[in-house]
Amino acid sequence: MNFTYASSIRSAFPALVSCCLFIDAVEQQIDVSQAVADLNQQTIDKLNGGTESDLAEIQAWRRAFVNMGLKPTQYRCAAESLLRRWRKEGSLPAIFPLIDLCNALSLAFAIPIAVFDRQKISGDLQVRPATGHEIYHTFSGTIEHPAPGEVIFADATGRAHARRWTHRQSGYSAVSANTTQALIVMEAMHSTAAQDIAALSAALMQQIHRIWPSSTSAPLA
């Protein structure tokens, strides 16, 4: 499969930098608590006593949401939502090892990370404006149809795997106890996005190879 952006997205957001990785042989019975704790210390250092709204990474996504016609304090990118919750509560709930690891990395780098069950995606995955006919499954099981023009992650069948770009993923392709193959997407738009995405992807690969030594990983075009 390929991971792409519609030309209209590239034109509207020229500062966008991303990395997409395919991971297989993901075991769910793994302890990632030490890795999460180490990354949480990096998050403390990054916030440096401030809040997520002070960070250039988050400010860039807020501007992008404004450009999409959204209120940035109503619809937050995933990294901002995680940082906000973590800062207020002191921790995030454990979900699945791969999700916990990626959430901790997202906190430490203040960069949204989407993690999909690869086997739930049909054909190629593209970030593009919605037509209004796509199907989106919420985590509660209801079905929604993104509004025309809304930025979504869509597969070849017209299923939306995320709404409002980096705001909310679909329950349909969320990682579950049965997930063994994952697609991980990291995106940023701030001034040092290129080097930070490179550092984030390297950190992710290092952690995956350490925690899941039998797994293989490969970048997608």
N, C-alpha and C. Protein backbone atom coordinates (compact mmCIF):
# COMPACT_ATOMS: atom_id res chain seq x y z
N MET A 1 0.84 -1.19 0.00
CA MET A 1 0.00 0.00 0.00
C MET A 1 0.87 1.24 0.00
N ASN A 2 0.27 2.36 -0.38
CA ASN A 2 0.94 3.66 -0.37
C ASN A 2 0.22 4.59 0.60
N PHE A 3 0.97 5.53 1.16
CA PHE A 3 0.40 6.60 1.98
C PHE A 3 0.71 7.92 1.29
N THR A 4 -0.33 8.68 0.95
CA THR A 4 -0.14 9.90 0.17
C THR A 4 -0.99 11.04 0.72
N TYR A 5 -0.72 12.22 0.18
CA TYR A 5 -1.53 13.41 0.46
C TYR A 5 -2.11 13.92 -0.86
N ALA A 6 -3.34 14.37 -0.82
CA ALA A 6 -3.93 15.00 -1.99
C ALA A 6 -3.14 16.26 -2.32
N SER A 7 -3.08 16.60 -3.60
CA SER A 7 -2.32 17.79 -4.01
C SER A 7 -2.85 19.05 -3.35
N SER A 8 -4.15 19.11 -3.09
CA SER A 8 -4.73 20.29 -2.44
C SER A 8 -4.22 20.44 -1.01
N ILE A 9 -3.95 19.33 -0.34
CA ILE A 9 -3.41 19.38 1.02
C ILE A 9 -1.97 19.87 0.99
N ARG A 10 -1.20 19.33 0.06
CA ARG A 10 0.20 19.77 -0.07
C ARG A 10 0.27 21.26 -0.39
N SER A 11 -0.63 21.74 -1.24
CA SER A 11 -0.61 23.15 -1.62
C SER A 11 -1.01 24.05 -0.46
N ALA A 12 -2.01 23.62 0.31
CA ALA A 12 -2.52 24.44 1.40
C ALA A 12 -1.60 24.45 2.61
N PHE A 13 -0.80 23.36 2.77
CA PHE A 13 0.06 23.23 3.95
C PHE A 13 1.48 22.86 3.51
N PRO A 14 2.18 23.80 2.89
CA PRO A 14 3.51 23.49 2.34
C PRO A 14 4.55 23.14 3.39
N ALA A 15 4.33 23.50 4.65
CA ALA A 15 5.30 23.21 5.71
C ALA A 15 5.16 21.79 6.25
N LEU A 16 4.18 21.06 5.78
CA LEU A 16 3.92 19.72 6.30
C LEU A 16 5.09 18.77 6.06
N VAL A 17 5.49 18.06 7.12
CA VAL A 17 6.50 17.01 7.04
C VAL A 17 5.91 15.78 7.71
N SER A 18 6.08 14.61 7.09
CA SER A 18 5.49 13.41 7.69
C SER A 18 6.39 12.21 7.49
N CYS A 19 6.10 11.16 8.24
CA CYS A 19 6.77 9.88 8.09
C CYS A 19 5.74 8.80 8.37
N CYS A 20 5.70 7.78 7.53
CA CYS A 20 4.75 6.68 7.69
C CYS A 20 5.52 5.37 7.76
N LEU A 21 5.26 4.58 8.78
CA LEU A 21 5.97 3.31 8.98
C LEU A 21 4.99 2.15 9.06
N PHE A 22 5.38 1.03 8.48
CA PHE A 22 4.64 -0.22 8.62
C PHE A 22 5.38 -1.12 9.59
N ILE A 23 4.66 -1.66 10.58
CA ILE A 23 5.26 -2.52 11.59
C ILE A 23 4.48 -3.82 11.64
N ASP A 24 5.20 -4.95 11.70
CA ASP A 24 4.49 -6.22 11.86
C ASP A 24 5.06 -6.99 13.06
N ALA A 25 4.44 -8.13 13.33
CA ALA A 25 4.82 -8.99 14.46
C ALA A 25 4.79 -8.23 15.79
N VAL A 26 3.70 -7.48 16.00
CA VAL A 26 3.54 -6.72 17.24
C VAL A 26 2.86 -7.59 18.28
N GLU A 27 3.58 -7.94 19.34
CA GLU A 27 3.03 -8.72 20.43
C GLU A 27 2.33 -7.79 21.42
N GLN A 28 1.15 -8.21 21.91
CA GLN A 28 0.39 -7.35 22.81
C GLN A 28 0.74 -7.57 24.28
N GLN A 29 1.35 -8.71 24.60
CA GLN A 29 1.67 -9.00 26.00
C GLN A 29 3.11 -8.57 26.31
N ILE A 30 3.34 -7.29 26.26
CA ILE A 30 4.68 -6.72 26.47
C ILE A 30 4.58 -5.59 27.48
N ASP A 31 5.57 -5.47 28.34
CA ASP A 31 5.60 -4.38 29.32
C ASP A 31 6.40 -3.21 28.76
N VAL A 32 5.73 -2.08 28.57
CA VAL A 32 6.42 -0.89 28.04
C VAL A 32 6.48 0.21 29.10
N SER A 33 6.21 -0.13 30.35
CA SER A 33 6.10 0.89 31.39
C SER A 33 7.40 1.66 31.60
N GLN A 34 8.56 1.00 31.51
CA GLN A 34 9.82 1.71 31.70
C GLN A 34 10.08 2.68 30.56
N ALA A 35 9.80 2.25 29.33
CA ALA A 35 9.96 3.15 28.18
C ALA A 35 9.05 4.35 28.31
N VAL A 36 7.81 4.12 28.74
CA VAL A 36 6.86 5.22 28.93
C VAL A 36 7.36 6.17 30.01
N ALA A 37 7.86 5.64 31.11
CA ALA A 37 8.36 6.48 32.20
C ALA A 37 9.53 7.35 31.74
N ASP A 38 10.44 6.76 30.98
CA ASP A 38 11.59 7.52 30.47
C ASP A 38 11.13 8.64 29.54
N LEU A 39 10.17 8.34 28.68
CA LEU A 39 9.66 9.35 27.75
C LEU A 39 8.87 10.42 28.48
N ASN A 40 8.19 10.06 29.55
CA ASN A 40 7.46 11.06 30.33
C ASN A 40 8.41 12.07 30.97
N GLN A 41 9.60 11.62 31.32
CA GLN A 41 10.59 12.56 31.85
C GLN A 41 11.01 13.55 30.76
N GLN A 42 11.12 13.07 29.53
CA GLN A 42 11.42 13.97 28.41
C GLN A 42 10.29 14.98 28.22
N THR A 43 9.05 14.54 28.44
CA THR A 43 7.91 15.46 28.32
C THR A 43 7.99 16.56 29.36
N ILE A 44 8.35 16.19 30.58
CA ILE A 44 8.53 17.19 31.64
C ILE A 44 9.57 18.21 31.22
N ASP A 45 10.68 17.74 30.69
CA ASP A 45 11.74 18.63 30.25
C ASP A 45 11.27 19.53 29.11
N LYS A 46 10.48 18.97 28.21
CA LYS A 46 10.02 19.74 27.06
C LYS A 46 9.06 20.86 27.48
N LEU A 47 8.13 20.53 28.36
CA LEU A 47 7.19 21.56 28.82
C LEU A 47 7.89 22.61 29.67
N ASN A 48 8.90 22.19 30.43
CA ASN A 48 9.73 23.13 31.20
C ASN A 48 8.88 24.07 32.04
N GLY A 49 7.87 23.52 32.68
CA GLY A 49 7.02 24.32 33.55
C GLY A 49 5.92 25.08 32.85
N GLY A 50 5.89 25.03 31.52
CA GLY A 50 4.86 25.73 30.76
C GLY A 50 3.71 24.82 30.40
N THR A 51 2.96 25.21 29.38
CA THR A 51 1.84 24.41 28.92
C THR A 51 2.06 24.05 27.45
N GLU A 52 1.23 23.14 26.97
CA GLU A 52 1.35 22.69 25.59
C GLU A 52 1.13 23.83 24.58
N SER A 53 0.34 24.83 24.95
CA SER A 53 0.08 25.93 24.02
C SER A 53 1.31 26.81 23.79
N ASP A 54 2.33 26.66 24.65
CA ASP A 54 3.57 27.41 24.48
C ASP A 54 4.48 26.80 23.41
N LEU A 55 4.22 25.57 23.02
CA LEU A 55 5.13 24.84 22.14
C LEU A 55 4.90 25.19 20.67
N ALA A 56 6.01 25.38 19.95
CA ALA A 56 5.91 25.72 18.53
C ALA A 56 5.21 24.62 17.74
N GLU A 57 5.42 23.36 18.15
CA GLU A 57 4.79 22.23 17.46
C GLU A 57 3.27 22.33 17.52
N ILE A 58 2.75 22.68 18.69
CA ILE A 58 1.31 22.78 18.88
C ILE A 58 0.76 24.05 18.23
N GLN A 59 1.50 25.13 18.33
CA GLN A 59 1.06 26.39 17.70
C GLN A 59 0.90 26.23 16.20
N ALA A 60 1.79 25.46 15.58
CA ALA A 60 1.70 25.23 14.13
C ALA A 60 0.42 24.47 13.78
N TRP A 61 0.07 23.47 14.59
CA TRP A 61 -1.17 22.73 14.33
C TRP A 61 -2.40 23.58 14.60
N ARG A 62 -2.32 24.46 15.58
CA ARG A 62 -3.45 25.36 15.82
C ARG A 62 -3.69 26.26 14.61
N ARG A 63 -2.62 26.74 14.01
CA ARG A 63 -2.77 27.56 12.80
C ARG A 63 -3.38 26.74 11.66
N ALA A 64 -2.96 25.49 11.56
CA ALA A 64 -3.50 24.62 10.52
C ALA A 64 -5.00 24.39 10.73
N PHE A 65 -5.41 24.21 11.97
CA PHE A 65 -6.82 24.00 12.24
C PHE A 65 -7.63 25.26 11.93
N VAL A 66 -7.07 26.42 12.21
CA VAL A 66 -7.74 27.67 11.83
C VAL A 66 -7.89 27.74 10.31
N ASN A 67 -6.84 27.35 9.59
CA ASN A 67 -6.90 27.35 8.12
C ASN A 67 -7.95 26.38 7.59
N MET A 68 -8.26 25.34 8.38
CA MET A 68 -9.30 24.41 7.97
C MET A 68 -10.69 24.87 8.39
N GLY A 69 -10.76 26.05 9.00
CA GLY A 69 -12.05 26.58 9.42
C GLY A 69 -12.54 26.04 10.75
N LEU A 70 -11.62 25.49 11.57
CA LEU A 70 -11.97 24.92 12.86
C LEU A 70 -11.47 25.80 14.00
N LYS A 71 -12.19 25.78 15.11
CA LYS A 71 -11.72 26.48 16.30
C LYS A 71 -10.65 25.62 16.97
N PRO A 72 -9.42 26.11 17.07
CA PRO A 72 -8.32 25.27 17.56
C PRO A 72 -8.42 24.86 19.01
N THR A 73 -9.26 25.55 19.81
CA THR A 73 -9.43 25.12 21.20
C THR A 73 -10.65 24.21 21.35
N GLN A 74 -11.40 24.03 20.27
CA GLN A 74 -12.51 23.08 20.27
C GLN A 74 -12.09 21.76 19.64
N TYR A 75 -11.32 21.86 18.57
CA TYR A 75 -10.80 20.68 17.88
C TYR A 75 -9.27 20.74 17.95
N ARG A 76 -8.70 19.99 18.86
CA ARG A 76 -7.26 20.01 19.08
C ARG A 76 -6.61 18.84 18.35
N CYS A 77 -5.38 19.04 17.89
CA CYS A 77 -4.66 17.91 17.32
C CYS A 77 -4.41 16.89 18.43
N ALA A 78 -4.18 15.65 18.04
CA ALA A 78 -4.06 14.57 19.01
C ALA A 78 -2.94 14.83 20.02
N ALA A 79 -1.82 15.38 19.57
CA ALA A 79 -0.70 15.62 20.48
C ALA A 79 -1.08 16.65 21.54
N GLU A 80 -1.79 17.69 21.15
CA GLU A 80 -2.20 18.70 22.13
C GLU A 80 -3.17 18.09 23.14
N SER A 81 -4.13 17.29 22.66
CA SER A 81 -5.08 16.67 23.57
C SER A 81 -4.39 15.77 24.58
N LEU A 82 -3.41 14.98 24.10
CA LEU A 82 -2.68 14.11 25.01
C LEU A 82 -1.87 14.91 26.03
N LEU A 83 -1.18 15.93 25.55
CA LEU A 83 -0.37 16.76 26.46
C LEU A 83 -1.24 17.43 27.51
N ARG A 84 -2.36 17.92 27.08
CA ARG A 84 -3.29 18.60 28.00
C ARG A 84 -3.77 17.65 29.09
N ARG A 85 -4.16 16.45 28.69
CA ARG A 85 -4.63 15.47 29.67
C ARG A 85 -3.50 15.01 30.58
N TRP A 86 -2.35 14.75 30.00
CA TRP A 86 -1.21 14.27 30.79
C TRP A 86 -0.78 15.33 31.81
N ARG A 87 -0.75 16.60 31.38
CA ARG A 87 -0.33 17.69 32.27
C ARG A 87 -1.31 17.84 33.43
N LYS A 88 -2.59 17.64 33.19
CA LYS A 88 -3.59 17.82 34.23
C LYS A 88 -3.69 16.60 35.15
N GLU A 89 -3.53 15.40 34.58
CA GLU A 89 -3.76 14.17 35.35
C GLU A 89 -2.47 13.49 35.79
N GLY A 90 -1.33 13.85 35.17
CA GLY A 90 -0.05 13.27 35.56
C GLY A 90 0.28 11.96 34.89
N SER A 91 -0.66 11.41 34.13
CA SER A 91 -0.42 10.14 33.44
C SER A 91 -1.52 9.94 32.40
N LEU A 92 -1.32 8.95 31.55
CA LEU A 92 -2.33 8.55 30.59
C LEU A 92 -2.72 7.10 30.89
N PRO A 93 -3.97 6.73 30.65
CA PRO A 93 -4.36 5.34 30.92
C PRO A 93 -3.67 4.38 29.97
N ALA A 94 -3.31 3.20 30.45
CA ALA A 94 -2.72 2.17 29.60
C ALA A 94 -3.80 1.60 28.70
N ILE A 95 -3.47 1.43 27.41
CA ILE A 95 -4.43 0.90 26.45
C ILE A 95 -3.90 -0.42 25.88
N PHE A 96 -2.97 -0.32 24.95
CA PHE A 96 -2.22 -1.46 24.43
C PHE A 96 -0.77 -1.02 24.35
N PRO A 97 0.19 -1.95 24.45
CA PRO A 97 1.60 -1.55 24.50
C PRO A 97 2.03 -0.62 23.37
N LEU A 98 1.66 -0.92 22.12
CA LEU A 98 2.09 -0.06 21.01
C LEU A 98 1.46 1.32 21.12
N ILE A 99 0.20 1.38 21.52
CA ILE A 99 -0.46 2.68 21.70
C ILE A 99 0.19 3.45 22.85
N ASP A 100 0.46 2.77 23.95
CA ASP A 100 1.08 3.45 25.10
C ASP A 100 2.44 4.02 24.72
N LEU A 101 3.22 3.25 23.96
CA LEU A 101 4.53 3.72 23.52
C LEU A 101 4.39 4.92 22.61
N CYS A 102 3.51 4.83 21.63
CA CYS A 102 3.35 5.94 20.67
C CYS A 102 2.77 7.18 21.34
N ASN A 103 1.86 6.99 22.29
CA ASN A 103 1.34 8.14 23.03
C ASN A 103 2.45 8.82 23.82
N ALA A 104 3.33 8.04 24.44
CA ALA A 104 4.44 8.62 25.21
C ALA A 104 5.41 9.36 24.30
N LEU A 105 5.66 8.82 23.10
CA LEU A 105 6.51 9.51 22.14
C LEU A 105 5.85 10.78 21.64
N SER A 106 4.54 10.73 21.43
CA SER A 106 3.81 11.92 21.00
C SER A 106 3.91 13.02 22.03
N LEU A 107 3.82 12.65 23.31
CA LEU A 107 3.99 13.63 24.39
C LEU A 107 5.39 14.22 24.38
N ALA A 108 6.39 13.36 24.28
CA ALA A 108 7.78 13.80 24.38
C ALA A 108 8.19 14.71 23.23
N PHE A 109 7.61 14.49 22.05
CA PHE A 109 7.96 15.29 20.87
C PHE A 109 6.89 16.32 20.53
N ALA A 110 5.75 16.28 21.19
CA ALA A 110 4.62 17.19 20.90
C ALA A 110 4.20 17.10 19.43
N ILE A 111 4.22 15.90 18.89
CA ILE A 111 3.89 15.65 17.48
C ILE A 111 2.81 14.58 17.43
N PRO A 112 1.74 14.81 16.66
CA PRO A 112 0.68 13.79 16.55
C PRO A 112 1.20 12.51 15.91
N ILE A 113 0.80 11.38 16.49
CA ILE A 113 1.14 10.07 15.94
C ILE A 113 -0.15 9.26 15.82
N ALA A 114 -0.48 8.87 14.61
CA ALA A 114 -1.66 8.03 14.39
C ALA A 114 -1.20 6.59 14.23
N VAL A 115 -1.90 5.68 14.89
CA VAL A 115 -1.56 4.26 14.82
C VAL A 115 -2.81 3.49 14.37
N PHE A 116 -2.71 2.85 13.21
CA PHE A 116 -3.84 2.13 12.64
C PHE A 116 -3.55 0.63 12.58
N ASP A 117 -4.60 -0.16 12.70
CA ASP A 117 -4.50 -1.60 12.42
C ASP A 117 -4.42 -1.74 10.91
N ARG A 118 -3.26 -2.16 10.41
CA ARG A 118 -3.04 -2.23 8.96
C ARG A 118 -4.05 -3.11 8.25
N GLN A 119 -4.48 -4.16 8.89
CA GLN A 119 -5.38 -5.11 8.24
C GLN A 119 -6.81 -4.59 8.11
N LYS A 120 -7.10 -3.44 8.73
CA LYS A 120 -8.41 -2.83 8.60
C LYS A 120 -8.45 -1.76 7.51
N ILE A 121 -7.31 -1.51 6.86
CA ILE A 121 -7.24 -0.50 5.80
C ILE A 121 -7.24 -1.18 4.45
N SER A 122 -8.13 -0.76 3.57
CA SER A 122 -8.25 -1.35 2.23
C SER A 122 -7.52 -0.50 1.20
N GLY A 123 -6.52 -1.09 0.56
CA GLY A 123 -5.78 -0.37 -0.47
C GLY A 123 -4.93 0.74 0.10
N ASP A 124 -4.75 1.79 -0.69
CA ASP A 124 -3.91 2.91 -0.26
C ASP A 124 -4.64 3.79 0.75
N LEU A 125 -3.86 4.54 1.52
CA LEU A 125 -4.40 5.48 2.49
C LEU A 125 -3.98 6.88 2.07
N GLN A 126 -4.94 7.80 2.02
CA GLN A 126 -4.63 9.16 1.59
C GLN A 126 -5.27 10.18 2.52
N VAL A 127 -4.52 11.24 2.81
CA VAL A 127 -5.05 12.38 3.54
C VAL A 127 -5.62 13.32 2.47
N ARG A 128 -6.92 13.57 2.53
CA ARG A 128 -7.58 14.34 1.47
C ARG A 128 -8.86 14.97 1.99
N PRO A 129 -9.42 15.92 1.25
CA PRO A 129 -10.73 16.47 1.62
C PRO A 129 -11.82 15.42 1.41
N ALA A 130 -12.76 15.37 2.31
CA ALA A 130 -13.87 14.44 2.20
C ALA A 130 -14.84 14.88 1.11
N THR A 131 -15.52 13.90 0.52
CA THR A 131 -16.59 14.20 -0.45
C THR A 131 -17.93 14.33 0.25
N GLY A 132 -18.03 13.78 1.45
CA GLY A 132 -19.29 13.76 2.18
C GLY A 132 -19.95 12.40 2.17
N HIS A 133 -19.40 11.48 1.40
CA HIS A 133 -19.98 10.14 1.29
C HIS A 133 -19.18 9.09 2.08
N GLU A 134 -18.07 9.45 2.64
CA GLU A 134 -17.24 8.49 3.36
C GLU A 134 -17.94 8.00 4.64
N ILE A 135 -17.53 6.82 5.09
CA ILE A 135 -18.08 6.22 6.31
C ILE A 135 -17.02 6.28 7.41
N TYR A 136 -17.42 6.77 8.56
CA TYR A 136 -16.53 6.87 9.72
C TYR A 136 -17.21 6.20 10.91
N HIS A 137 -16.52 5.25 11.52
CA HIS A 137 -17.03 4.55 12.70
C HIS A 137 -16.46 5.21 13.96
N THR A 138 -17.31 5.65 14.85
CA THR A 138 -16.85 6.19 16.11
C THR A 138 -16.48 5.04 17.05
N PHE A 139 -15.85 5.36 18.16
CA PHE A 139 -15.48 4.33 19.13
C PHE A 139 -16.72 3.76 19.83
N SER A 140 -17.81 4.50 19.81
CA SER A 140 -19.04 3.99 20.42
C SER A 140 -19.84 3.11 19.48
N GLY A 141 -19.38 3.02 18.21
CA GLY A 141 -20.03 2.14 17.26
C GLY A 141 -20.99 2.81 16.30
N THR A 142 -21.22 4.11 16.46
CA THR A 142 -22.10 4.81 15.54
C THR A 142 -21.34 5.17 14.24
N ILE A 143 -22.10 5.45 13.20
CA ILE A 143 -21.52 5.80 11.91
C ILE A 143 -21.76 7.27 11.61
N GLU A 144 -20.72 7.95 11.17
CA GLU A 144 -20.81 9.36 10.77
C GLU A 144 -20.33 9.51 9.34
N HIS A 145 -20.71 10.63 8.74
CA HIS A 145 -20.24 10.97 7.40
C HIS A 145 -19.55 12.33 7.48
N PRO A 146 -18.22 12.39 7.33
CA PRO A 146 -17.53 13.67 7.38
C PRO A 146 -18.10 14.65 6.37
N ALA A 147 -18.13 15.91 6.74
CA ALA A 147 -18.67 16.94 5.86
C ALA A 147 -17.78 17.12 4.64
N PRO A 148 -18.35 17.47 3.50
CA PRO A 148 -17.52 17.73 2.31
C PRO A 148 -16.44 18.77 2.60
N GLY A 149 -15.22 18.47 2.22
CA GLY A 149 -14.10 19.39 2.44
C GLY A 149 -13.33 19.14 3.71
N GLU A 150 -13.91 18.38 4.65
CA GLU A 150 -13.20 18.07 5.89
C GLU A 150 -11.98 17.20 5.58
N VAL A 151 -10.85 17.46 6.21
CA VAL A 151 -9.64 16.69 5.96
C VAL A 151 -9.72 15.36 6.70
N ILE A 152 -9.57 14.26 5.96
CA ILE A 152 -9.70 12.93 6.53
C ILE A 152 -8.57 12.02 6.05
N PHE A 153 -8.39 10.90 6.73
CA PHE A 153 -7.57 9.80 6.24
C PHE A 153 -8.55 8.82 5.58
N ALA A 154 -8.46 8.62 4.27
CA ALA A 154 -9.42 7.77 3.57
C ALA A 154 -8.71 6.64 2.83
N ASP A 155 -9.32 5.45 2.86
CA ASP A 155 -8.74 4.33 2.11
C ASP A 155 -9.45 4.17 0.76
N ALA A 156 -9.12 3.12 0.04
CA ALA A 156 -9.61 2.95 -1.32
C ALA A 156 -11.11 2.69 -1.38
N THR A 157 -11.71 2.25 -0.29
CA THR A 157 -13.14 1.99 -0.26
C THR A 157 -13.95 3.21 0.16
N GLY A 158 -13.28 4.30 0.50
CA GLY A 158 -13.99 5.48 0.97
C GLY A 158 -14.28 5.47 2.45
N ARG A 159 -13.62 4.60 3.18
CA ARG A 159 -13.77 4.60 4.63
C ARG A 159 -12.83 5.64 5.24
N ALA A 160 -13.35 6.46 6.13
CA ALA A 160 -12.55 7.47 6.80
C ALA A 160 -11.96 6.88 8.07
N HIS A 161 -10.64 6.86 8.16
CA HIS A 161 -9.96 6.29 9.32
C HIS A 161 -9.55 7.36 10.33
N ALA A 162 -9.74 8.62 9.99
CA ALA A 162 -9.54 9.72 10.94
C ALA A 162 -10.33 10.91 10.44
N ARG A 163 -10.88 11.68 11.37
CA ARG A 163 -11.61 12.90 11.03
C ARG A 163 -10.84 14.13 11.49
N ARG A 164 -11.09 15.22 10.81
CA ARG A 164 -10.44 16.51 11.12
C ARG A 164 -8.93 16.33 11.25
N TRP A 165 -8.40 15.62 10.27
CA TRP A 165 -6.97 15.35 10.14
C TRP A 165 -6.40 14.63 11.35
N THR A 166 -5.72 15.36 12.23
CA THR A 166 -5.07 14.71 13.38
C THR A 166 -5.91 14.80 14.64
N HIS A 167 -7.20 15.10 14.49
CA HIS A 167 -8.03 15.30 15.69
C HIS A 167 -8.51 14.00 16.29
N ARG A 168 -9.13 13.13 15.47
CA ARG A 168 -9.71 11.91 16.05
C ARG A 168 -9.69 10.75 15.07
N GLN A 169 -9.18 9.61 15.53
CA GLN A 169 -9.16 8.40 14.70
C GLN A 169 -10.47 7.64 14.80
N SER A 170 -10.65 6.73 13.87
CA SER A 170 -11.85 5.89 13.84
C SER A 170 -11.68 4.67 14.74
N GLY A 171 -12.78 4.26 15.34
CA GLY A 171 -12.74 3.04 16.12
C GLY A 171 -12.58 1.80 15.27
N TYR A 172 -12.92 1.92 13.98
CA TYR A 172 -12.87 0.76 13.08
C TYR A 172 -11.45 0.21 12.94
N SER A 173 -10.49 1.10 12.76
CA SER A 173 -9.11 0.66 12.52
C SER A 173 -8.18 0.93 13.70
N ALA A 174 -8.77 1.15 14.87
CA ALA A 174 -7.95 1.35 16.06
C ALA A 174 -7.24 0.05 16.43
N VAL A 175 -6.09 0.16 17.04
CA VAL A 175 -5.35 -1.01 17.51
C VAL A 175 -6.16 -1.74 18.57
N SER A 176 -6.21 -3.06 18.45
CA SER A 176 -6.94 -3.90 19.40
C SER A 176 -6.03 -5.02 19.89
N ALA A 177 -6.60 -5.91 20.69
CA ALA A 177 -5.83 -7.04 21.21
C ALA A 177 -5.42 -7.99 20.10
N ASN A 178 -6.10 -7.92 18.97
CA ASN A 178 -5.82 -8.82 17.85
C ASN A 178 -4.87 -8.21 16.81
N THR A 179 -4.47 -6.97 17.02
CA THR A 179 -3.61 -6.30 16.04
C THR A 179 -2.20 -6.87 16.05
N THR A 180 -1.71 -7.26 14.88
CA THR A 180 -0.33 -7.72 14.75
C THR A 180 0.46 -6.88 13.75
N GLN A 181 -0.26 -6.13 12.89
CA GLN A 181 0.37 -5.25 11.91
C GLN A 181 -0.17 -3.85 12.10
N ALA A 182 0.71 -2.88 12.13
CA ALA A 182 0.29 -1.50 12.37
C ALA A 182 0.89 -0.55 11.36
N LEU A 183 0.13 0.50 11.10
CA LEU A 183 0.60 1.60 10.26
C LEU A 183 0.69 2.82 11.16
N ILE A 184 1.87 3.43 11.23
CA ILE A 184 2.11 4.56 12.14
C ILE A 184 2.45 5.79 11.32
N VAL A 185 1.70 6.87 11.54
CA VAL A 185 1.89 8.11 10.79
C VAL A 185 2.24 9.24 11.76
N MET A 186 3.35 9.93 11.49
CA MET A 186 3.81 11.07 12.29
C MET A 186 3.80 12.31 11.41
N GLU A 187 3.24 13.43 11.90
CA GLU A 187 3.11 14.63 11.07
C GLU A 187 3.42 15.88 11.89
N ALA A 188 4.07 16.85 11.24
CA ALA A 188 4.39 18.11 11.91
C ALA A 188 4.46 19.23 10.89
N MET A 189 4.34 20.48 11.39
CA MET A 189 4.35 21.64 10.49
C MET A 189 5.18 22.80 11.02
N HIS A 190 5.84 22.65 12.16
CA HIS A 190 6.58 23.76 12.73
C HIS A 190 7.92 23.94 12.00
N SER A 191 8.67 24.95 12.37
CA SER A 191 9.85 25.34 11.59
C SER A 191 10.95 24.28 11.58
N THR A 192 11.04 23.48 12.63
CA THR A 192 12.06 22.42 12.67
C THR A 192 11.43 21.04 12.48
N ALA A 193 10.33 21.00 11.76
CA ALA A 193 9.59 19.74 11.59
C ALA A 193 10.43 18.64 10.96
N ALA A 194 11.22 18.99 9.96
CA ALA A 194 11.98 17.95 9.26
C ALA A 194 12.93 17.21 10.19
N GLN A 195 13.72 17.94 10.97
CA GLN A 195 14.65 17.26 11.88
C GLN A 195 13.93 16.59 13.04
N ASP A 196 12.81 17.17 13.48
CA ASP A 196 12.09 16.57 14.61
C ASP A 196 11.36 15.30 14.20
N ILE A 197 10.79 15.28 13.01
CA ILE A 197 10.16 14.06 12.50
C ILE A 197 11.21 12.96 12.31
N ALA A 198 12.38 13.34 11.82
CA ALA A 198 13.47 12.36 11.66
C ALA A 198 13.89 11.80 13.01
N ALA A 199 14.00 12.67 14.02
CA ALA A 199 14.39 12.21 15.36
C ALA A 199 13.30 11.34 15.98
N LEU A 200 12.05 11.73 15.78
CA LEU A 200 10.94 10.95 16.31
C LEU A 200 10.87 9.57 15.67
N SER A 201 10.97 9.51 14.36
CA SER A 201 10.90 8.21 13.69
C SER A 201 12.07 7.30 14.10
N ALA A 202 13.25 7.91 14.29
CA ALA A 202 14.40 7.13 14.74
C ALA A 202 14.17 6.60 16.15
N ALA A 203 13.62 7.43 17.03
CA ALA A 203 13.34 7.01 18.40
C ALA A 203 12.29 5.91 18.42
N LEU A 204 11.28 6.05 17.57
CA LEU A 204 10.25 5.02 17.50
C LEU A 204 10.82 3.69 17.02
N MET A 205 11.61 3.74 15.95
CA MET A 205 12.21 2.51 15.42
C MET A 205 13.10 1.84 16.46
N GLN A 206 13.88 2.64 17.18
CA GLN A 206 14.77 2.10 18.21
C GLN A 206 13.98 1.39 19.30
N GLN A 207 12.89 2.02 19.74
CA GLN A 207 12.07 1.42 20.79
C GLN A 207 11.38 0.15 20.30
N ILE A 208 10.87 0.18 19.08
CA ILE A 208 10.19 -0.99 18.54
C ILE A 208 11.14 -2.17 18.41
N HIS A 209 12.33 -1.92 17.92
CA HIS A 209 13.30 -3.01 17.75
C HIS A 209 13.79 -3.54 19.09
N ARG A 210 13.78 -2.70 20.10
CA ARG A 210 14.19 -3.15 21.43
C ARG A 210 13.07 -3.93 22.11
N ILE A 211 11.83 -3.43 22.00
CA ILE A 211 10.70 -4.04 22.70
C ILE A 211 10.16 -5.26 21.95
N TRP A 212 10.12 -5.16 20.62
CA TRP A 212 9.63 -6.25 19.79
C TRP A 212 10.75 -6.68 18.83
N PRO A 213 11.75 -7.36 19.32
CA PRO A 213 12.93 -7.68 18.50
C PRO A 213 12.62 -8.56 17.28
N SER A 214 11.52 -9.27 17.29
CA SER A 214 11.17 -10.11 16.15
C SER A 214 10.36 -9.37 15.08
N SER A 215 10.01 -8.11 15.36
CA SER A 215 9.20 -7.35 14.41
C SER A 215 10.07 -6.81 13.29
N THR A 216 9.43 -6.49 12.18
CA THR A 216 10.10 -5.80 11.08
C THR A 216 9.38 -4.50 10.83
N SER A 217 10.09 -3.52 10.34
CA SER A 217 9.49 -2.22 10.08
C SER A 217 10.03 -1.67 8.77
N ALA A 218 9.20 -0.89 8.10
CA ALA A 218 9.60 -0.32 6.82
C ALA A 218 8.84 0.97 6.59
N PRO A 219 9.52 2.01 6.07
CA PRO A 219 8.82 3.25 5.73
C PRO A 219 7.97 3.06 4.49
N LEU A 220 6.84 3.77 4.42
CA LEU A 220 5.98 3.75 3.24
C LEU A 220 6.16 5.05 2.48
N ALA A 221 6.06 4.96 1.16
CA ALA A 221 6.17 6.16 0.31
C ALA A 221 4.95 7.03 0.52
